[in-house]
Amino acid sequence: IWDWDVPNDLCYFSPRFRTLMGYPSEEYIGGFSALAAVVHPDDLLPTQQALQDHLEQRIPFQHKYRLRTVSGEYRWFM
């Protein structure tokens, strides 16, 4: 539902992801840093660790975390 070009910090966010987050389909959300900015504070460190494990050790990134939507509510994602 999202894909990250790491060297250029460019993200693709699918139309469904944008809908779930409350963004219009044509609005650009930003790079991974923009996505990380809306991770629930309690989920930030575990999410960063899971991502680091994926990038450094090739462990599959299958992680549950909450993201703050445009309306301010948090939704679970995996």
PDB file of N, CA and C in Angstrom:
ATOM      1  N   ILE A   1       0.816  -1.192   0.000  1.00  0.00           N
ATOM      2  CA  ILE A   1       0.000   0.000   0.000  1.00  0.00           C
ATOM      3  C   ILE A   1       0.859   1.256   0.000  1.00  0.00           C
ATOM      4  N   TRP A   2       2.138   1.117   0.356  1.00  0.00           N
ATOM      5  CA  TRP A   2       3.096   2.194   0.129  1.00  0.00           C
ATOM      6  C   TRP A   2       4.433   1.573  -0.218  1.00  0.00           C
ATOM      7  N   ASP A   3       5.261   2.317  -0.940  1.00  0.00           N
ATOM      8  CA  ASP A   3       6.564   1.840  -1.369  1.00  0.00           C
ATOM      9  C   ASP A   3       7.552   2.986  -1.239  1.00  0.00           C
ATOM     10  N   TRP A   4       8.773   2.687  -0.785  1.00  0.00           N
ATOM     11  CA  TRP A   4       9.741   3.724  -0.462  1.00  0.00           C
ATOM     12  C   TRP A   4      11.000   3.582  -1.308  1.00  0.00           C
ATOM     13  N   ASP A   5      11.350   4.618  -2.047  1.00  0.00           N
ATOM     14  CA  ASP A   5      12.632   4.728  -2.746  1.00  0.00           C
ATOM     15  C   ASP A   5      13.596   5.323  -1.723  1.00  0.00           C
ATOM     16  N   VAL A   6      14.348   4.466  -1.044  1.00  0.00           N
ATOM     17  CA  VAL A   6      15.175   4.871   0.095  1.00  0.00           C
ATOM     18  C   VAL A   6      16.208   5.940  -0.268  1.00  0.00           C
ATOM     19  N   PRO A   7      17.039   5.737  -1.318  1.00  0.00           N
ATOM     20  CA  PRO A   7      18.087   6.740  -1.580  1.00  0.00           C
ATOM     21  C   PRO A   7      17.538   8.147  -1.845  1.00  0.00           C
ATOM     22  N   ASN A   8      16.364   8.226  -2.460  1.00  0.00           N
ATOM     23  CA  ASN A   8      15.796   9.534  -2.796  1.00  0.00           C
ATOM     24  C   ASN A   8      14.705   9.986  -1.835  1.00  0.00           C
ATOM     25  N   ASP A   9      14.403   9.185  -0.833  1.00  0.00           N
ATOM     26  CA  ASP A   9      13.325   9.447   0.128  1.00  0.00           C
ATOM     27  C   ASP A   9      12.038   9.878  -0.572  1.00  0.00           C
ATOM     28  N   LEU A  10      11.653   9.083  -1.568  1.00  0.00           N
ATOM     29  CA  LEU A  10      10.390   9.300  -2.263  1.00  0.00           C
ATOM     30  C   LEU A  10       9.482   8.115  -1.975  1.00  0.00           C
ATOM     31  N   CYS A  11       8.235   8.391  -1.660  1.00  0.00           N
ATOM     32  CA  CYS A  11       7.283   7.325  -1.366  1.00  0.00           C
ATOM     33  C   CYS A  11       6.132   7.343  -2.363  1.00  0.00           C
ATOM     34  N   TYR A  12       5.695   6.145  -2.699  1.00  0.00           N
ATOM     35  CA  TYR A  12       4.461   5.973  -3.451  1.00  0.00           C
ATOM     36  C   TYR A  12       3.410   5.540  -2.449  1.00  0.00           C
ATOM     37  N   PHE A  13       2.286   6.212  -2.431  1.00  0.00           N
ATOM     38  CA  PHE A  13       1.171   5.848  -1.566  1.00  0.00           C
ATOM     39  C   PHE A  13      -0.009   5.500  -2.454  1.00  0.00           C
ATOM     40  N   SER A  14      -0.510   4.287  -2.315  1.00  0.00           N
ATOM     41  CA  SER A  14      -1.605   3.820  -3.168  1.00  0.00           C
ATOM     42  C   SER A  14      -2.874   4.636  -2.908  1.00  0.00           C
ATOM     43  N   PRO A  15      -3.785   4.642  -3.884  1.00  0.00           N
ATOM     44  CA  PRO A  15      -5.062   5.338  -3.685  1.00  0.00           C
ATOM     45  C   PRO A  15      -5.796   4.836  -2.436  1.00  0.00           C
ATOM     46  N   ARG A  16      -5.758   3.535  -2.176  1.00  0.00           N
ATOM     47  CA  ARG A  16      -6.443   2.990  -0.996  1.00  0.00           C
ATOM     48  C   ARG A  16      -5.819   3.513   0.297  1.00  0.00           C
ATOM     49  N   PHE A  17      -4.490   3.580   0.338  1.00  0.00           N
ATOM     50  CA  PHE A  17      -3.806   4.115   1.511  1.00  0.00           C
ATOM     51  C   PHE A  17      -4.207   5.569   1.730  1.00  0.00           C
ATOM     52  N   ARG A  18      -4.232   6.353   0.662  1.00  0.00           N
ATOM     53  CA  ARG A  18      -4.627   7.758   0.772  1.00  0.00           C
ATOM     54  C   ARG A  18      -6.050   7.886   1.306  1.00  0.00           C
ATOM     55  N   THR A  19      -6.941   7.021   0.833  1.00  0.00           N
ATOM     56  CA  THR A  19      -8.327   7.029   1.317  1.00  0.00           C
ATOM     57  C   THR A  19      -8.371   6.708   2.806  1.00  0.00           C
ATOM     58  N   LEU A  20      -7.649   5.676   3.222  1.00  0.00           N
ATOM     59  CA  LEU A  20      -7.636   5.292   4.631  1.00  0.00           C
ATOM     60  C   LEU A  20      -7.070   6.396   5.520  1.00  0.00           C
ATOM     61  N   MET A  21      -6.118   7.161   4.974  1.00  0.00           N
ATOM     62  CA  MET A  21      -5.507   8.242   5.735  1.00  0.00           C
ATOM     63  C   MET A  21      -6.297   9.552   5.640  1.00  0.00           C
ATOM     64  N   GLY A  22      -7.230   9.650   4.684  1.00  0.00           N
ATOM     65  CA  GLY A  22      -8.051  10.844   4.546  1.00  0.00           C
ATOM     66  C   GLY A  22      -7.512  11.869   3.579  1.00  0.00           C
ATOM     67  N   TYR A  23      -6.534  11.501   2.754  1.00  0.00           N
ATOM     68  CA  TYR A  23      -5.969  12.418   1.763  1.00  0.00           C
ATOM     69  C   TYR A  23      -6.679  12.261   0.430  1.00  0.00           C
ATOM     70  N   PRO A  24      -6.841  13.365  -0.313  1.00  0.00           N
ATOM     71  CA  PRO A  24      -7.341  13.234  -1.686  1.00  0.00           C
ATOM     72  C   PRO A  24      -6.342  12.412  -2.501  1.00  0.00           C
ATOM     73  N   SER A  25      -6.822  11.708  -3.492  1.00  0.00           N
ATOM     74  CA  SER A  25      -5.958  10.804  -4.253  1.00  0.00           C
ATOM     75  C   SER A  25      -4.823  11.515  -4.977  1.00  0.00           C
ATOM     76  N   GLU A  26      -4.985  12.780  -5.299  1.00  0.00           N
ATOM     77  CA  GLU A  26      -3.944  13.486  -6.040  1.00  0.00           C
ATOM     78  C   GLU A  26      -2.940  14.206  -5.144  1.00  0.00           C
ATOM     79  N   GLU A  27      -3.197  14.290  -3.850  1.00  0.00           N
ATOM     80  CA  GLU A  27      -2.308  15.025  -2.953  1.00  0.00           C
ATOM     81  C   GLU A  27      -1.059  14.213  -2.639  1.00  0.00           C
ATOM     82  N   TYR A  28       0.108  14.843  -2.743  1.00  0.00           N
ATOM     83  CA  TYR A  28       1.367  14.195  -2.397  1.00  0.00           C
ATOM     84  C   TYR A  28       1.557  14.282  -0.886  1.00  0.00           C
ATOM     85  N   ILE A  29       1.832  13.156  -0.263  1.00  0.00           N
ATOM     86  CA  ILE A  29       1.959  13.121   1.193  1.00  0.00           C
ATOM     87  C   ILE A  29       3.380  13.454   1.625  1.00  0.00           C
ATOM     88  N   GLY A  30       4.378  13.035   0.872  1.00  0.00           N
ATOM     89  CA  GLY A  30       5.773  13.307   1.192  1.00  0.00           C
ATOM     90  C   GLY A  30       6.588  12.037   1.237  1.00  0.00           C
ATOM     91  N   GLY A  31       7.833  12.160   1.629  1.00  0.00           N
ATOM     92  CA  GLY A  31       8.726  11.021   1.746  1.00  0.00           C
ATOM     93  C   GLY A  31       8.451  10.223   3.012  1.00  0.00           C
ATOM     94  N   PHE A  32       9.344   9.301   3.305  1.00  0.00           N
ATOM     95  CA  PHE A  32       9.144   8.448   4.470  1.00  0.00           C
ATOM     96  C   PHE A  32       9.120   9.265   5.756  1.00  0.00           C
ATOM     97  N   SER A  33       9.875  10.339   5.808  1.00  0.00           N
ATOM     98  CA  SER A  33       9.878  11.171   7.013  1.00  0.00           C
ATOM     99  C   SER A  33       8.489  11.724   7.308  1.00  0.00           C
ATOM    100  N   ALA A  34       7.716  12.027   6.258  1.00  0.00           N
ATOM    101  CA  ALA A  34       6.341  12.503   6.454  1.00  0.00           C
ATOM    102  C   ALA A  34       5.468  11.388   7.019  1.00  0.00           C
ATOM    103  N   LEU A  35       5.700  10.166   6.563  1.00  0.00           N
ATOM    104  CA  LEU A  35       4.949   9.036   7.095  1.00  0.00           C
ATOM    105  C   LEU A  35       5.344   8.781   8.546  1.00  0.00           C
ATOM    106  N   ALA A  36       6.639   8.819   8.843  1.00  0.00           N
ATOM    107  CA  ALA A  36       7.116   8.591  10.207  1.00  0.00           C
ATOM    108  C   ALA A  36       6.573   9.639  11.177  1.00  0.00           C
ATOM    109  N   ALA A  37       6.310  10.838  10.676  1.00  0.00           N
ATOM    110  CA  ALA A  37       5.810  11.922  11.528  1.00  0.00           C
ATOM    111  C   ALA A  37       4.400  11.656  12.047  1.00  0.00           C
ATOM    112  N   VAL A  38       3.665  10.733  11.410  1.00  0.00           N
ATOM    113  CA  VAL A  38       2.299  10.453  11.854  1.00  0.00           C
ATOM    114  C   VAL A  38       2.162   9.092  12.534  1.00  0.00           C
ATOM    115  N   VAL A  39       3.302   8.428  12.792  1.00  0.00           N
ATOM    116  CA  VAL A  39       3.262   7.174  13.547  1.00  0.00           C
ATOM    117  C   VAL A  39       2.943   7.500  15.001  1.00  0.00           C
ATOM    118  N   HIS A  40       2.078   6.707  15.606  1.00  0.00           N
ATOM    119  CA  HIS A  40       1.719   6.903  17.019  1.00  0.00           C
ATOM    120  C   HIS A  40       2.998   6.894  17.865  1.00  0.00           C
ATOM    121  N   PRO A  41       3.123   7.804  18.829  1.00  0.00           N
ATOM    122  CA  PRO A  41       4.348   7.876  19.639  1.00  0.00           C
ATOM    123  C   PRO A  41       4.736   6.542  20.293  1.00  0.00           C
ATOM    124  N   ASP A  42       3.758   5.756  20.712  1.00  0.00           N
ATOM    125  CA  ASP A  42       4.067   4.468  21.342  1.00  0.00           C
ATOM    126  C   ASP A  42       4.578   3.438  20.341  1.00  0.00           C
ATOM    127  N   ASP A  43       4.345   3.680  19.059  1.00  0.00           N
ATOM    128  CA  ASP A  43       4.740   2.729  18.018  1.00  0.00           C
ATOM    129  C   ASP A  43       5.993   3.159  17.267  1.00  0.00           C
ATOM    130  N   LEU A  44       6.474   4.368  17.509  1.00  0.00           N
ATOM    131  CA  LEU A  44       7.562   4.918  16.706  1.00  0.00           C
ATOM    132  C   LEU A  44       8.853   4.111  16.828  1.00  0.00           C
ATOM    133  N   LEU A  45       9.346   3.892  18.042  1.00  0.00           N
ATOM    134  CA  LEU A  45      10.609   3.171  18.200  1.00  0.00           C
ATOM    135  C   LEU A  45      10.525   1.729  17.695  1.00  0.00           C
ATOM    136  N   PRO A  46       9.461   0.968  18.033  1.00  0.00           N
ATOM    137  CA  PRO A  46       9.371  -0.387  17.475  1.00  0.00           C
ATOM    138  C   PRO A  46       9.273  -0.401  15.949  1.00  0.00           C
ATOM    139  N   THR A  47       8.605   0.595  15.368  1.00  0.00           N
ATOM    140  CA  THR A  47       8.478   0.670  13.915  1.00  0.00           C
ATOM    141  C   THR A  47       9.830   0.990  13.293  1.00  0.00           C
ATOM    142  N   GLN A  48      10.554   1.927  13.886  1.00  0.00           N
ATOM    143  CA  GLN A  48      11.888   2.258  13.382  1.00  0.00           C
ATOM    144  C   GLN A  48      12.819   1.050  13.482  1.00  0.00           C
ATOM    145  N   GLN A  49      12.716   0.287  14.567  1.00  0.00           N
ATOM    146  CA  GLN A  49      13.554  -0.895  14.737  1.00  0.00           C
ATOM    147  C   GLN A  49      13.211  -1.966  13.697  1.00  0.00           C
ATOM    148  N   ALA A  50      11.923  -2.173  13.457  1.00  0.00           N
ATOM    149  CA  ALA A  50      11.503  -3.152  12.449  1.00  0.00           C
ATOM    150  C   ALA A  50      12.003  -2.749  11.063  1.00  0.00           C
ATOM    151  N   LEU A  51      11.964  -1.469  10.773  1.00  0.00           N
ATOM    152  CA  LEU A  51      12.452  -0.977   9.486  1.00  0.00           C
ATOM    153  C   LEU A  51      13.968  -1.154   9.388  1.00  0.00           C
ATOM    154  N   GLN A  52      14.674  -0.820  10.437  1.00  0.00           N
ATOM    155  CA  GLN A  52      16.128  -0.986  10.442  1.00  0.00           C
ATOM    156  C   GLN A  52      16.503  -2.462  10.275  1.00  0.00           C
ATOM    157  N   ASP A  53      15.791  -3.343  10.969  1.00  0.00           N
ATOM    158  CA  ASP A  53      16.033  -4.784  10.830  1.00  0.00           C
ATOM    159  C   ASP A  53      15.801  -5.239   9.394  1.00  0.00           C
ATOM    160  N   HIS A  54      14.782  -4.679   8.771  1.00  0.00           N
ATOM    161  CA  HIS A  54      14.485  -5.023   7.382  1.00  0.00           C
ATOM    162  C   HIS A  54      15.616  -4.577   6.451  1.00  0.00           C
ATOM    163  N   LEU A  55      16.056  -3.341   6.608  1.00  0.00           N
ATOM    164  CA  LEU A  55      17.076  -2.792   5.718  1.00  0.00           C
ATOM    165  C   LEU A  55      18.452  -3.425   5.939  1.00  0.00           C
ATOM    166  N   GLU A  56      18.797  -3.703   7.193  1.00  0.00           N
ATOM    167  CA  GLU A  56      20.138  -4.208   7.495  1.00  0.00           C
ATOM    168  C   GLU A  56      20.242  -5.732   7.454  1.00  0.00           C
ATOM    169  N   GLN A  57      19.164  -6.420   7.841  1.00  0.00           N
ATOM    170  CA  GLN A  57      19.229  -7.875   7.967  1.00  0.00           C
ATOM    171  C   GLN A  57      18.293  -8.598   7.011  1.00  0.00           C
ATOM    172  N   ARG A  58      17.586  -7.822   6.192  1.00  0.00           N
ATOM    173  CA  ARG A  58      16.639  -8.377   5.231  1.00  0.00           C
ATOM    174  C   ARG A  58      15.505  -9.155   5.899  1.00  0.00           C
ATOM    175  N   ILE A  59      15.182  -8.810   7.127  1.00  0.00           N
ATOM    176  CA  ILE A  59      14.031  -9.389   7.818  1.00  0.00           C
ATOM    177  C   ILE A  59      12.784  -8.771   7.196  1.00  0.00           C
ATOM    178  N   PRO A  60      11.790  -9.562   6.802  1.00  0.00           N
ATOM    179  CA  PRO A  60      10.578  -8.984   6.195  1.00  0.00           C
ATOM    180  C   PRO A  60       9.951  -7.915   7.095  1.00  0.00           C
ATOM    181  N   PHE A  61       9.545  -6.828   6.481  1.00  0.00           N
ATOM    182  CA  PHE A  61       8.892  -5.746   7.225  1.00  0.00           C
ATOM    183  C   PHE A  61       7.407  -6.074   7.323  1.00  0.00           C
ATOM    184  N   GLN A  62       7.071  -6.837   8.344  1.00  0.00           N
ATOM    185  CA  GLN A  62       5.677  -7.149   8.653  1.00  0.00           C
ATOM    186  C   GLN A  62       5.461  -6.680  10.078  1.00  0.00           C
ATOM    187  N   HIS A  63       4.900  -5.498  10.186  1.00  0.00           N
ATOM    188  CA  HIS A  63       4.851  -4.822  11.478  1.00  0.00           C
ATOM    189  C   HIS A  63       3.517  -4.096  11.615  1.00  0.00           C
ATOM    190  N   LYS A  64       2.919  -4.174  12.785  1.00  0.00           N
ATOM    191  CA  LYS A  64       1.677  -3.449  13.062  1.00  0.00           C
ATOM    192  C   LYS A  64       2.020  -2.130  13.754  1.00  0.00           C
ATOM    193  N   TYR A  65       1.376  -1.058  13.285  1.00  0.00           N
ATOM    194  CA  TYR A  65       1.606   0.259  13.860  1.00  0.00           C
ATOM    195  C   TYR A  65       0.386   1.131  13.583  1.00  0.00           C
ATOM    196  N   ARG A  66       0.254   2.187  14.362  1.00  0.00           N
ATOM    197  CA  ARG A  66      -0.853   3.129  14.189  1.00  0.00           C
ATOM    198  C   ARG A  66      -0.343   4.392  13.509  1.00  0.00           C
ATOM    199  N   LEU A  67      -1.184   4.908  12.607  1.00  0.00           N
ATOM    200  CA  LEU A  67      -0.892   6.167  11.932  1.00  0.00           C
ATOM    201  C   LEU A  67      -2.024   7.150  12.197  1.00  0.00           C
ATOM    202  N   ARG A  68      -1.654   8.420  12.387  1.00  0.00           N
ATOM    203  CA  ARG A  68      -2.641   9.487  12.601  1.00  0.00           C
ATOM    204  C   ARG A  68      -3.183   9.923  11.245  1.00  0.00           C
ATOM    205  N   THR A  69      -4.487   9.857  11.083  1.00  0.00           N
ATOM    206  CA  THR A  69      -5.141  10.254   9.838  1.00  0.00           C
ATOM    207  C   THR A  69      -5.302  11.775   9.796  1.00  0.00           C
ATOM    208  N   VAL A  70      -5.776  12.272   8.674  1.00  0.00           N
ATOM    209  CA  VAL A  70      -6.012  13.709   8.511  1.00  0.00           C
ATOM    210  C   VAL A  70      -6.979  14.225   9.580  1.00  0.00           C
ATOM    211  N   SER A  71      -7.964  13.404   9.970  1.00  0.00           N
ATOM    212  CA  SER A  71      -8.950  13.823  10.970  1.00  0.00           C
ATOM    213  C   SER A  71      -8.390  13.818  12.395  1.00  0.00           C
ATOM    214  N   GLY A  72      -7.187  13.251  12.583  1.00  0.00           N
ATOM    215  CA  GLY A  72      -6.571  13.210  13.906  1.00  0.00           C
ATOM    216  C   GLY A  72      -6.727  11.881  14.627  1.00  0.00           C
ATOM    217  N   GLU A  73      -7.576  10.993  14.097  1.00  0.00           N
ATOM    218  CA  GLU A  73      -7.722   9.681  14.728  1.00  0.00           C
ATOM    219  C   GLU A  73      -6.568   8.781  14.304  1.00  0.00           C
ATOM    220  N   TYR A  74      -6.306   7.763  15.101  1.00  0.00           N
ATOM    221  CA  TYR A  74      -5.273   6.791  14.758  1.00  0.00           C
ATOM    222  C   TYR A  74      -5.927   5.541  14.204  1.00  0.00           C
ATOM    223  N   ARG A  75      -5.288   4.974  13.173  1.00  0.00           N
ATOM    224  CA  ARG A  75      -5.730   3.720  12.571  1.00  0.00           C
ATOM    225  C   ARG A  75      -4.570   2.745  12.554  1.00  0.00           C
ATOM    226  N   TRP A  76      -4.897   1.477  12.748  1.00  0.00           N
ATOM    227  CA  TRP A  76      -3.892   0.422  12.705  1.00  0.00           C
ATOM    228  C   TRP A  76      -3.583   0.060  11.262  1.00  0.00           C
ATOM    229  N   PHE A  77      -2.307  -0.171  10.983  1.00  0.00           N
ATOM    230  CA  PHE A  77      -1.832  -0.628   9.681  1.00  0.00           C
ATOM    231  C   PHE A  77      -0.847  -1.761   9.898  1.00  0.00           C
ATOM    232  N   MET A  78      -0.683  -2.571   8.869  1.00  0.00           N
ATOM    233  CA  MET A  78       0.336  -3.616   8.912  1.00  0.00           C
ATOM    234  C   MET A  78       1.064  -3.596   7.589  1.00  0.00           C
TER     235      MET A  78
END
